Amino acid sequence: MRIDTAHGPAQVTLDEVDDPSFLLVLTHGSNGGVEAPDLLAVRDVALALGGAVARVMQPFRLAGRRAPGPAVKQDEAWLEVIKLLRDRHGAVPLVQGGRSNGARVACRTARAADAAGVVALAFPLHPPRNPERSRADELRSAGVEVVVVNGDRDPFGVPDPADAAEVVVLAGERHDLTKDPAAVGAAVEPWLRRWSGTR
């Protein structure tokens, strides 16, 4: 599914279910795609809980760029995609998230998107070797509950437990979270269940 935004087209891969209990919208990091193992693991958990899942290739990546550009433009394009996906799926709870840069977008736009919660995978707390440039404010200002899943060997750092509703730190994982994707899904499952209203 292609969605034209003011900042270029986005591409959406949909996994739809009959009468979804919630809508989960996920996106990639600045140099990745929507087939990342951790994104797929979270998608599978959401589908098992009766949620519909949309994985969004943002305009900058669809255009072949590795850098997302200005945050304002990235967030504007994201919110355009979210609006169309919400119109398509009706008044079900929205959970949005992503990995790395995508987690930052999900946090920054959560209020404007009226999201029920955020899944932040490999949240890049700071640039490597620059811990003084913390992005913790993006987590704290999301306006909704955020669950963070990071690896304990992530060179981008690990958020403090006080920065989110829950911070799950997976042993032996780096920024790509590829060692045990199922553990990523398991960490997120209770939150998706809670946000979806399922038991």
N, C-alpha and C. Protein backbone atom coordinates (compact mmCIF):
# COMPACT_ATOMS: atom_id res chain seq x y z
N MET A 1 0.87 -1.19 0.00
CA MET A 1 0.00 0.00 0.00
C MET A 1 0.90 1.24 0.00
N ARG A 2 0.66 2.13 -0.95
CA ARG A 2 1.45 3.36 -1.05
C ARG A 2 0.61 4.52 -0.52
N ILE A 3 1.23 5.35 0.30
CA ILE A 3 0.57 6.55 0.83
C ILE A 3 1.42 7.75 0.49
N ASP A 4 0.85 8.69 -0.24
CA ASP A 4 1.57 9.90 -0.58
C ASP A 4 1.46 10.90 0.56
N THR A 5 2.60 11.41 1.00
CA THR A 5 2.64 12.43 2.04
C THR A 5 3.22 13.71 1.47
N ALA A 6 3.17 14.76 2.25
CA ALA A 6 3.73 16.04 1.81
C ALA A 6 5.25 15.95 1.62
N HIS A 7 5.87 14.92 2.16
CA HIS A 7 7.33 14.78 2.07
C HIS A 7 7.74 13.53 1.30
N GLY A 8 6.87 13.09 0.40
CA GLY A 8 7.17 11.94 -0.43
C GLY A 8 6.33 10.74 -0.07
N PRO A 9 6.32 9.73 -0.93
CA PRO A 9 5.49 8.54 -0.68
C PRO A 9 6.08 7.64 0.40
N ALA A 10 5.19 7.03 1.17
CA ALA A 10 5.54 5.97 2.11
C ALA A 10 4.93 4.67 1.61
N GLN A 11 5.52 3.57 2.03
CA GLN A 11 5.00 2.26 1.65
C GLN A 11 4.60 1.50 2.91
N VAL A 12 3.40 0.95 2.90
CA VAL A 12 2.88 0.27 4.08
C VAL A 12 2.61 -1.19 3.77
N THR A 13 3.16 -2.07 4.60
CA THR A 13 2.89 -3.50 4.50
C THR A 13 1.88 -3.84 5.58
N LEU A 14 0.70 -4.32 5.16
CA LEU A 14 -0.41 -4.57 6.09
C LEU A 14 -0.60 -6.05 6.36
N ASP A 15 -0.77 -6.37 7.62
CA ASP A 15 -1.23 -7.70 8.04
C ASP A 15 -2.56 -7.45 8.75
N GLU A 16 -3.65 -7.73 8.07
CA GLU A 16 -4.97 -7.39 8.59
C GLU A 16 -5.68 -8.63 9.12
N VAL A 17 -6.56 -8.41 10.07
CA VAL A 17 -7.37 -9.48 10.64
C VAL A 17 -8.82 -9.01 10.66
N ASP A 18 -9.73 -9.96 10.74
CA ASP A 18 -11.14 -9.60 10.87
C ASP A 18 -11.40 -9.03 12.26
N ASP A 19 -12.11 -7.91 12.30
CA ASP A 19 -12.50 -7.29 13.57
C ASP A 19 -11.31 -7.14 14.53
N PRO A 20 -10.29 -6.36 14.14
CA PRO A 20 -9.09 -6.23 14.97
C PRO A 20 -9.39 -5.60 16.33
N SER A 21 -8.66 -6.06 17.36
CA SER A 21 -8.83 -5.48 18.69
C SER A 21 -7.98 -4.22 18.87
N PHE A 22 -6.97 -4.04 18.03
CA PHE A 22 -6.15 -2.84 18.06
C PHE A 22 -5.38 -2.75 16.75
N LEU A 23 -4.77 -1.61 16.53
CA LEU A 23 -3.91 -1.38 15.36
C LEU A 23 -2.51 -1.07 15.85
N LEU A 24 -1.55 -1.85 15.41
CA LEU A 24 -0.14 -1.62 15.72
C LEU A 24 0.56 -1.12 14.46
N VAL A 25 1.19 0.04 14.55
CA VAL A 25 1.93 0.60 13.41
C VAL A 25 3.39 0.69 13.80
N LEU A 26 4.25 0.03 13.03
CA LEU A 26 5.68 -0.06 13.32
C LEU A 26 6.50 0.51 12.18
N THR A 27 7.68 1.01 12.51
CA THR A 27 8.58 1.50 11.47
C THR A 27 10.03 1.17 11.82
N HIS A 28 10.88 1.40 10.88
CA HIS A 28 12.28 0.96 10.88
C HIS A 28 13.23 2.02 11.46
N GLY A 29 14.49 1.66 11.51
CA GLY A 29 15.54 2.60 11.87
C GLY A 29 16.03 3.38 10.67
N SER A 30 17.00 4.26 10.88
CA SER A 30 17.41 5.14 9.79
C SER A 30 18.11 4.42 8.65
N ASN A 31 18.68 3.25 8.89
CA ASN A 31 19.34 2.54 7.80
C ASN A 31 18.78 1.13 7.65
N GLY A 32 17.52 0.95 8.04
CA GLY A 32 16.95 -0.39 8.00
C GLY A 32 15.66 -0.46 7.21
N GLY A 33 14.97 -1.58 7.38
CA GLY A 33 13.71 -1.79 6.68
C GLY A 33 12.70 -2.45 7.59
N VAL A 34 11.53 -2.73 7.03
CA VAL A 34 10.43 -3.26 7.84
C VAL A 34 10.50 -4.78 8.03
N GLU A 35 11.57 -5.41 7.51
CA GLU A 35 11.76 -6.85 7.70
C GLU A 35 12.73 -7.14 8.84
N ALA A 36 13.08 -6.15 9.64
CA ALA A 36 13.99 -6.38 10.77
C ALA A 36 13.41 -7.44 11.70
N PRO A 37 14.25 -8.35 12.20
CA PRO A 37 13.74 -9.46 13.00
C PRO A 37 12.94 -9.03 14.23
N ASP A 38 13.35 -7.97 14.90
CA ASP A 38 12.60 -7.55 16.09
C ASP A 38 11.23 -7.01 15.72
N LEU A 39 11.14 -6.28 14.60
CA LEU A 39 9.83 -5.79 14.15
C LEU A 39 8.92 -6.96 13.79
N LEU A 40 9.46 -7.96 13.13
CA LEU A 40 8.65 -9.12 12.76
C LEU A 40 8.19 -9.90 13.99
N ALA A 41 9.05 -9.98 15.00
CA ALA A 41 8.67 -10.68 16.23
C ALA A 41 7.51 -9.98 16.93
N VAL A 42 7.57 -8.65 16.99
CA VAL A 42 6.49 -7.89 17.61
C VAL A 42 5.22 -7.98 16.77
N ARG A 43 5.38 -7.95 15.44
CA ARG A 43 4.21 -8.14 14.56
C ARG A 43 3.52 -9.46 14.86
N ASP A 44 4.30 -10.53 14.98
CA ASP A 44 3.71 -11.85 15.20
C ASP A 44 2.94 -11.91 16.51
N VAL A 45 3.47 -11.30 17.54
CA VAL A 45 2.79 -11.26 18.83
C VAL A 45 1.47 -10.49 18.70
N ALA A 46 1.50 -9.36 18.01
CA ALA A 46 0.29 -8.56 17.83
C ALA A 46 -0.78 -9.32 17.06
N LEU A 47 -0.38 -10.02 16.02
CA LEU A 47 -1.34 -10.80 15.23
C LEU A 47 -1.96 -11.91 16.08
N ALA A 48 -1.15 -12.53 16.93
CA ALA A 48 -1.67 -13.59 17.80
C ALA A 48 -2.68 -13.05 18.81
N LEU A 49 -2.56 -11.77 19.13
CA LEU A 49 -3.50 -11.13 20.06
C LEU A 49 -4.72 -10.53 19.36
N GLY A 50 -4.80 -10.72 18.05
CA GLY A 50 -5.96 -10.21 17.31
C GLY A 50 -5.81 -8.79 16.81
N GLY A 51 -4.59 -8.29 16.78
CA GLY A 51 -4.36 -6.94 16.28
C GLY A 51 -4.06 -6.92 14.80
N ALA A 52 -4.38 -5.81 14.15
CA ALA A 52 -3.93 -5.56 12.79
C ALA A 52 -2.57 -4.86 12.87
N VAL A 53 -1.69 -5.14 11.93
CA VAL A 53 -0.34 -4.58 11.98
C VAL A 53 0.01 -3.93 10.65
N ALA A 54 0.54 -2.72 10.74
CA ALA A 54 1.04 -2.01 9.57
C ALA A 54 2.51 -1.71 9.80
N ARG A 55 3.35 -2.11 8.84
CA ARG A 55 4.78 -1.78 8.91
C ARG A 55 5.06 -0.73 7.84
N VAL A 56 5.59 0.40 8.27
CA VAL A 56 5.70 1.57 7.40
C VAL A 56 7.15 1.81 6.98
N MET A 57 7.37 1.82 5.66
CA MET A 57 8.63 2.29 5.09
C MET A 57 8.48 3.78 4.88
N GLN A 58 9.21 4.56 5.65
CA GLN A 58 9.07 6.02 5.61
C GLN A 58 9.59 6.60 4.30
N PRO A 59 9.14 7.81 3.95
CA PRO A 59 9.52 8.39 2.66
C PRO A 59 11.03 8.48 2.42
N PHE A 60 11.81 8.81 3.43
CA PHE A 60 13.25 8.96 3.20
C PHE A 60 13.90 7.64 2.81
N ARG A 61 13.43 6.53 3.39
CA ARG A 61 14.01 5.23 3.05
C ARG A 61 13.50 4.74 1.70
N LEU A 62 12.23 5.02 1.42
CA LEU A 62 11.68 4.62 0.12
C LEU A 62 12.42 5.35 -1.00
N ALA A 63 12.89 6.56 -0.71
CA ALA A 63 13.66 7.33 -1.69
C ALA A 63 15.12 6.92 -1.74
N GLY A 64 15.52 5.96 -0.90
CA GLY A 64 16.88 5.47 -0.92
C GLY A 64 17.86 6.21 -0.04
N ARG A 65 17.36 7.10 0.82
CA ARG A 65 18.25 7.85 1.70
C ARG A 65 18.46 7.11 3.02
N ARG A 66 19.62 7.31 3.62
CA ARG A 66 19.93 6.69 4.90
C ARG A 66 19.66 7.64 6.07
N ALA A 67 19.67 8.93 5.80
CA ALA A 67 19.43 9.91 6.86
C ALA A 67 17.98 10.38 6.78
N PRO A 68 17.29 10.45 7.92
CA PRO A 68 15.87 10.81 7.89
C PRO A 68 15.59 12.28 7.61
N GLY A 69 16.58 13.15 7.75
CA GLY A 69 16.34 14.57 7.54
C GLY A 69 15.71 15.21 8.76
N PRO A 70 15.15 16.41 8.59
CA PRO A 70 14.59 17.13 9.74
C PRO A 70 13.49 16.35 10.44
N ALA A 71 13.54 16.35 11.77
CA ALA A 71 12.54 15.61 12.54
C ALA A 71 11.13 16.11 12.28
N VAL A 72 10.98 17.41 12.09
CA VAL A 72 9.64 17.98 11.86
C VAL A 72 9.01 17.37 10.61
N LYS A 73 9.77 17.28 9.53
CA LYS A 73 9.24 16.72 8.29
C LYS A 73 8.95 15.22 8.44
N GLN A 74 9.84 14.53 9.12
CA GLN A 74 9.63 13.10 9.33
C GLN A 74 8.36 12.86 10.13
N ASP A 75 8.16 13.66 11.16
CA ASP A 75 6.97 13.50 12.01
C ASP A 75 5.70 13.88 11.26
N GLU A 76 5.76 14.91 10.44
CA GLU A 76 4.58 15.30 9.65
C GLU A 76 4.17 14.18 8.71
N ALA A 77 5.14 13.58 8.03
CA ALA A 77 4.83 12.48 7.11
C ALA A 77 4.25 11.29 7.88
N TRP A 78 4.82 11.01 9.04
CA TRP A 78 4.33 9.89 9.87
C TRP A 78 2.87 10.10 10.24
N LEU A 79 2.54 11.30 10.68
CA LEU A 79 1.17 11.57 11.11
C LEU A 79 0.18 11.49 9.95
N GLU A 80 0.63 11.82 8.75
CA GLU A 80 -0.25 11.65 7.58
C GLU A 80 -0.54 10.16 7.35
N VAL A 81 0.49 9.33 7.48
CA VAL A 81 0.30 7.89 7.31
C VAL A 81 -0.63 7.35 8.40
N ILE A 82 -0.40 7.77 9.63
CA ILE A 82 -1.22 7.32 10.75
C ILE A 82 -2.69 7.67 10.54
N LYS A 83 -2.95 8.88 10.07
CA LYS A 83 -4.35 9.30 9.85
C LYS A 83 -5.04 8.38 8.86
N LEU A 84 -4.38 8.08 7.75
CA LEU A 84 -5.01 7.22 6.75
C LEU A 84 -5.20 5.79 7.27
N LEU A 85 -4.24 5.30 8.04
CA LEU A 85 -4.38 3.96 8.60
C LEU A 85 -5.50 3.90 9.63
N ARG A 86 -5.63 4.95 10.42
CA ARG A 86 -6.73 4.97 11.40
C ARG A 86 -8.08 5.05 10.70
N ASP A 87 -8.16 5.84 9.64
CA ASP A 87 -9.41 5.92 8.88
C ASP A 87 -9.78 4.55 8.33
N ARG A 88 -8.78 3.79 7.93
CA ARG A 88 -9.02 2.47 7.34
C ARG A 88 -9.49 1.45 8.38
N HIS A 89 -8.98 1.57 9.62
CA HIS A 89 -9.23 0.55 10.64
C HIS A 89 -10.27 0.94 11.68
N GLY A 90 -10.79 2.14 11.61
CA GLY A 90 -11.86 2.52 12.53
C GLY A 90 -11.35 2.87 13.92
N ALA A 91 -12.26 2.88 14.87
CA ALA A 91 -11.97 3.41 16.20
C ALA A 91 -11.41 2.34 17.13
N VAL A 92 -10.36 1.65 16.70
CA VAL A 92 -9.68 0.71 17.58
C VAL A 92 -8.48 1.41 18.20
N PRO A 93 -8.01 0.94 19.36
CA PRO A 93 -6.83 1.56 19.95
C PRO A 93 -5.62 1.49 19.02
N LEU A 94 -4.86 2.56 18.99
CA LEU A 94 -3.63 2.64 18.19
C LEU A 94 -2.43 2.49 19.11
N VAL A 95 -1.55 1.57 18.76
CA VAL A 95 -0.23 1.48 19.39
C VAL A 95 0.78 1.72 18.28
N GLN A 96 1.71 2.63 18.51
CA GLN A 96 2.70 2.86 17.47
C GLN A 96 4.10 2.63 18.04
N GLY A 97 5.01 2.31 17.14
CA GLY A 97 6.36 2.02 17.61
C GLY A 97 7.31 1.82 16.46
N GLY A 98 8.51 1.42 16.83
CA GLY A 98 9.53 1.18 15.83
C GLY A 98 10.85 0.89 16.51
N ARG A 99 11.86 0.70 15.67
CA ARG A 99 13.18 0.45 16.21
C ARG A 99 14.08 1.65 15.93
N SER A 100 14.94 1.98 16.89
CA SER A 100 15.95 3.03 16.75
C SER A 100 15.32 4.37 16.36
N ASN A 101 15.68 4.91 15.20
CA ASN A 101 15.07 6.18 14.79
C ASN A 101 13.55 6.10 14.74
N GLY A 102 13.03 4.95 14.35
CA GLY A 102 11.57 4.78 14.31
C GLY A 102 10.94 4.86 15.69
N ALA A 103 11.67 4.41 16.72
CA ALA A 103 11.17 4.53 18.09
C ALA A 103 11.10 5.99 18.50
N ARG A 104 12.06 6.79 18.04
CA ARG A 104 12.04 8.22 18.34
C ARG A 104 10.83 8.89 17.70
N VAL A 105 10.55 8.56 16.45
CA VAL A 105 9.38 9.12 15.76
C VAL A 105 8.10 8.77 16.52
N ALA A 106 7.99 7.50 16.92
CA ALA A 106 6.78 7.05 17.62
C ALA A 106 6.58 7.81 18.92
N CYS A 107 7.67 8.07 19.64
CA CYS A 107 7.56 8.83 20.89
C CYS A 107 7.19 10.28 20.63
N ARG A 108 7.85 10.90 19.67
CA ARG A 108 7.62 12.32 19.41
C ARG A 108 6.20 12.61 18.94
N THR A 109 5.58 11.66 18.26
CA THR A 109 4.27 11.90 17.65
C THR A 109 3.12 11.25 18.41
N ALA A 110 3.40 10.59 19.53
CA ALA A 110 2.37 9.81 20.22
C ALA A 110 1.16 10.64 20.62
N ARG A 111 1.41 11.82 21.15
CA ARG A 111 0.29 12.68 21.56
C ARG A 111 -0.56 13.09 20.36
N ALA A 112 0.11 13.58 19.32
CA ALA A 112 -0.62 14.05 18.15
C ALA A 112 -1.37 12.93 17.46
N ALA A 113 -0.85 11.71 17.54
CA ALA A 113 -1.51 10.56 16.92
C ALA A 113 -2.62 9.98 17.79
N ASP A 114 -2.71 10.46 19.03
CA ASP A 114 -3.67 9.92 20.00
C ASP A 114 -3.45 8.43 20.19
N ALA A 115 -2.18 8.06 20.36
CA ALA A 115 -1.83 6.65 20.55
C ALA A 115 -2.15 6.21 21.97
N ALA A 116 -2.44 4.93 22.11
CA ALA A 116 -2.67 4.35 23.44
C ALA A 116 -1.35 4.05 24.13
N GLY A 117 -0.31 3.78 23.36
CA GLY A 117 0.99 3.46 23.91
C GLY A 117 2.03 3.37 22.82
N VAL A 118 3.29 3.24 23.23
CA VAL A 118 4.42 3.20 22.30
C VAL A 118 5.31 2.02 22.63
N VAL A 119 5.75 1.32 21.57
CA VAL A 119 6.75 0.26 21.66
C VAL A 119 8.04 0.82 21.08
N ALA A 120 9.06 0.97 21.92
CA ALA A 120 10.33 1.55 21.49
C ALA A 120 11.41 0.47 21.54
N LEU A 121 11.80 0.00 20.38
CA LEU A 121 12.82 -1.04 20.28
C LEU A 121 14.17 -0.41 19.97
N ALA A 122 15.20 -0.79 20.73
CA ALA A 122 16.55 -0.26 20.53
C ALA A 122 16.54 1.27 20.51
N PHE A 123 15.85 1.86 21.50
CA PHE A 123 15.79 3.32 21.54
C PHE A 123 17.21 3.88 21.65
N PRO A 124 17.61 4.76 20.71
CA PRO A 124 18.99 5.27 20.70
C PRO A 124 19.14 6.44 21.68
N LEU A 125 19.46 6.11 22.91
CA LEU A 125 19.49 7.11 23.97
C LEU A 125 20.44 8.26 23.66
N HIS A 126 21.55 7.95 23.02
CA HIS A 126 22.52 8.98 22.65
C HIS A 126 23.33 8.47 21.47
N PRO A 127 23.98 9.35 20.72
CA PRO A 127 24.88 8.87 19.67
C PRO A 127 26.03 8.08 20.31
N PRO A 128 26.56 7.07 19.60
CA PRO A 128 27.71 6.35 20.16
C PRO A 128 28.85 7.30 20.50
N ARG A 129 29.44 7.08 21.65
CA ARG A 129 30.57 7.88 22.15
C ARG A 129 30.19 9.31 22.50
N ASN A 130 28.90 9.64 22.53
CA ASN A 130 28.45 10.98 22.93
C ASN A 130 27.32 10.89 23.96
N PRO A 131 27.57 10.29 25.12
CA PRO A 131 26.50 10.10 26.10
C PRO A 131 25.92 11.40 26.63
N GLU A 132 26.63 12.49 26.46
CA GLU A 132 26.10 13.77 26.96
C GLU A 132 24.94 14.28 26.11
N ARG A 133 24.76 13.75 24.92
CA ARG A 133 23.67 14.17 24.03
C ARG A 133 22.46 13.25 24.20
N SER A 134 21.90 13.25 25.37
CA SER A 134 20.81 12.34 25.69
C SER A 134 19.51 12.73 24.98
N ARG A 135 18.77 11.69 24.56
CA ARG A 135 17.45 11.88 23.95
C ARG A 135 16.34 11.39 24.89
N ALA A 136 16.65 11.29 26.17
CA ALA A 136 15.68 10.78 27.14
C ALA A 136 14.41 11.62 27.17
N ASP A 137 14.51 12.90 26.84
CA ASP A 137 13.32 13.76 26.84
C ASP A 137 12.27 13.28 25.86
N GLU A 138 12.68 12.64 24.77
CA GLU A 138 11.70 12.12 23.81
C GLU A 138 10.86 11.01 24.43
N LEU A 139 11.49 10.21 25.27
CA LEU A 139 10.74 9.17 25.99
C LEU A 139 9.81 9.80 27.02
N ARG A 140 10.35 10.72 27.80
CA ARG A 140 9.59 11.31 28.91
C ARG A 140 8.42 12.16 28.43
N SER A 141 8.54 12.74 27.24
CA SER A 141 7.50 13.65 26.75
C SER A 141 6.51 12.97 25.80
N ALA A 142 6.55 11.63 25.71
CA ALA A 142 5.65 10.93 24.78
C ALA A 142 4.19 11.18 25.12
N GLY A 143 3.89 11.35 26.39
CA GLY A 143 2.51 11.61 26.80
C GLY A 143 1.67 10.36 26.97
N VAL A 144 2.25 9.19 26.67
CA VAL A 144 1.59 7.90 26.87
C VAL A 144 2.63 6.95 27.44
N GLU A 145 2.17 5.78 27.86
CA GLU A 145 3.11 4.80 28.39
C GLU A 145 3.98 4.23 27.26
N VAL A 146 5.26 4.15 27.54
CA VAL A 146 6.24 3.63 26.57
C VAL A 146 6.93 2.42 27.17
N VAL A 147 6.97 1.32 26.42
CA VAL A 147 7.78 0.17 26.81
C VAL A 147 9.01 0.16 25.89
N VAL A 148 10.17 0.10 26.51
CA VAL A 148 11.44 0.12 25.80
C VAL A 148 12.08 -1.26 25.90
N VAL A 149 12.61 -1.75 24.77
CA VAL A 149 13.39 -2.99 24.77
C VAL A 149 14.74 -2.68 24.14
N ASN A 150 15.80 -2.78 24.93
CA ASN A 150 17.15 -2.51 24.46
C ASN A 150 18.07 -3.67 24.84
N GLY A 151 19.18 -3.78 24.14
CA GLY A 151 20.21 -4.74 24.50
C GLY A 151 21.22 -4.12 25.46
N ASP A 152 21.80 -4.95 26.31
CA ASP A 152 22.75 -4.42 27.29
C ASP A 152 24.10 -4.06 26.65
N ARG A 153 24.29 -4.42 25.38
CA ARG A 153 25.54 -4.08 24.68
C ARG A 153 25.31 -3.04 23.59
N ASP A 154 24.23 -2.30 23.70
CA ASP A 154 23.88 -1.31 22.68
C ASP A 154 24.81 -0.10 22.80
N PRO A 155 25.59 0.23 21.75
CA PRO A 155 26.49 1.38 21.82
C PRO A 155 25.75 2.72 21.88
N PHE A 156 24.44 2.70 21.59
CA PHE A 156 23.63 3.91 21.68
C PHE A 156 23.09 4.13 23.11
N GLY A 157 23.44 3.24 24.00
CA GLY A 157 23.03 3.38 25.40
C GLY A 157 21.70 2.73 25.70
N VAL A 158 21.38 2.69 27.00
CA VAL A 158 20.14 2.09 27.48
C VAL A 158 19.42 3.11 28.34
N PRO A 159 18.15 3.40 28.05
CA PRO A 159 17.41 4.36 28.87
C PRO A 159 17.32 3.92 30.33
N ASP A 160 17.18 4.90 31.19
CA ASP A 160 16.99 4.65 32.60
C ASP A 160 15.57 4.14 32.83
N PRO A 161 15.34 3.25 33.80
CA PRO A 161 13.98 2.77 34.07
C PRO A 161 12.99 3.90 34.36
N ALA A 162 13.47 5.02 34.86
CA ALA A 162 12.57 6.13 35.16
C ALA A 162 12.11 6.88 33.92
N ASP A 163 12.72 6.58 32.76
CA ASP A 163 12.39 7.32 31.53
C ASP A 163 11.18 6.77 30.79
N ALA A 164 10.67 5.60 31.20
CA ALA A 164 9.56 4.97 30.47
C ALA A 164 8.74 4.15 31.45
N ALA A 165 7.57 3.67 30.98
CA ALA A 165 6.74 2.82 31.83
C ALA A 165 7.47 1.54 32.19
N GLU A 166 8.23 1.00 31.23
CA GLU A 166 9.07 -0.17 31.48
C GLU A 166 10.25 -0.15 30.54
N VAL A 167 11.41 -0.49 31.06
CA VAL A 167 12.62 -0.65 30.24
C VAL A 167 13.10 -2.08 30.43
N VAL A 168 13.04 -2.86 29.36
CA VAL A 168 13.49 -4.25 29.37
C VAL A 168 14.87 -4.30 28.73
N VAL A 169 15.85 -4.82 29.46
CA VAL A 169 17.22 -4.90 28.95
C VAL A 169 17.55 -6.37 28.71
N LEU A 170 17.84 -6.69 27.45
CA LEU A 170 18.11 -8.08 27.07
C LEU A 170 19.62 -8.34 27.06
N ALA A 171 20.02 -9.35 27.80
CA ALA A 171 21.44 -9.67 27.93
C ALA A 171 22.02 -10.16 26.60
N GLY A 172 23.21 -9.65 26.29
CA GLY A 172 23.93 -10.10 25.10
C GLY A 172 23.50 -9.46 23.80
N GLU A 173 22.45 -8.65 23.83
CA GLU A 173 21.95 -8.03 22.60
C GLU A 173 22.64 -6.69 22.34
N ARG A 174 22.86 -6.43 21.06
CA ARG A 174 23.37 -5.14 20.63
C ARG A 174 22.22 -4.31 20.04
N HIS A 175 22.54 -3.31 19.25
CA HIS A 175 21.51 -2.40 18.76
C HIS A 175 20.54 -3.07 17.80
N ASP A 176 21.00 -4.11 17.09
CA ASP A 176 20.13 -4.73 16.08
C ASP A 176 19.11 -5.70 16.68
N LEU A 177 19.28 -6.10 17.94
CA LEU A 177 18.33 -7.01 18.61
C LEU A 177 18.05 -8.27 17.79
N THR A 178 19.08 -8.87 17.23
CA THR A 178 18.89 -10.04 16.37
C THR A 178 19.25 -11.36 17.05
N LYS A 179 19.83 -11.33 18.24
CA LYS A 179 20.26 -12.57 18.89
C LYS A 179 19.08 -13.46 19.24
N ASP A 180 18.01 -12.84 19.80
CA ASP A 180 16.83 -13.61 20.20
C ASP A 180 15.58 -12.75 19.98
N PRO A 181 15.12 -12.63 18.74
CA PRO A 181 13.95 -11.79 18.47
C PRO A 181 12.71 -12.22 19.26
N ALA A 182 12.58 -13.52 19.53
CA ALA A 182 11.41 -13.98 20.28
C ALA A 182 11.37 -13.34 21.67
N ALA A 183 12.54 -13.07 22.25
CA ALA A 183 12.57 -12.42 23.57
C ALA A 183 12.06 -10.99 23.48
N VAL A 184 12.28 -10.35 22.34
CA VAL A 184 11.75 -9.01 22.12
C VAL A 184 10.22 -9.07 22.10
N GLY A 185 9.68 -10.01 21.34
CA GLY A 185 8.23 -10.17 21.29
C GLY A 185 7.65 -10.48 22.65
N ALA A 186 8.32 -11.35 23.41
CA ALA A 186 7.83 -11.71 24.74
C ALA A 186 7.82 -10.52 25.69
N ALA A 187 8.81 -9.63 25.55
CA ALA A 187 8.87 -8.45 26.40
C ALA A 187 7.73 -7.48 26.12
N VAL A 188 7.32 -7.42 24.88
CA VAL A 188 6.28 -6.48 24.46
C VAL A 188 4.87 -7.04 24.67
N GLU A 189 4.74 -8.36 24.68
CA GLU A 189 3.42 -9.01 24.69
C GLU A 189 2.49 -8.52 25.81
N PRO A 190 2.95 -8.41 27.06
CA PRO A 190 2.02 -7.97 28.10
C PRO A 190 1.48 -6.56 27.86
N TRP A 191 2.29 -5.71 27.25
CA TRP A 191 1.85 -4.34 26.99
C TRP A 191 0.86 -4.29 25.84
N LEU A 192 1.11 -5.06 24.79
CA LEU A 192 0.14 -5.11 23.69
C LEU A 192 -1.18 -5.67 24.18
N ARG A 193 -1.12 -6.68 25.03
CA ARG A 193 -2.35 -7.26 25.59
C ARG A 193 -3.09 -6.21 26.42
N ARG A 194 -2.35 -5.47 27.20
CA ARG A 194 -2.97 -4.44 28.06
C ARG A 194 -3.58 -3.32 27.23
N TRP A 195 -2.82 -2.84 26.24
CA TRP A 195 -3.32 -1.72 25.43
C TRP A 195 -4.48 -2.15 24.54
N SER A 196 -4.51 -3.43 24.16
CA SER A 196 -5.59 -3.90 23.28
C SER A 196 -6.86 -4.20 24.06
N GLY A 197 -6.73 -4.32 25.38
CA GLY A 197 -7.90 -4.66 26.19
C GLY A 197 -8.20 -6.14 26.20
N THR A 198 -7.33 -6.96 25.60
CA THR A 198 -7.55 -8.40 25.63
C THR A 198 -6.97 -9.00 26.90
N ARG A 199 -7.41 -10.19 27.25
CA ARG A 199 -6.92 -10.83 28.50
C ARG A 199 -6.27 -12.17 28.19
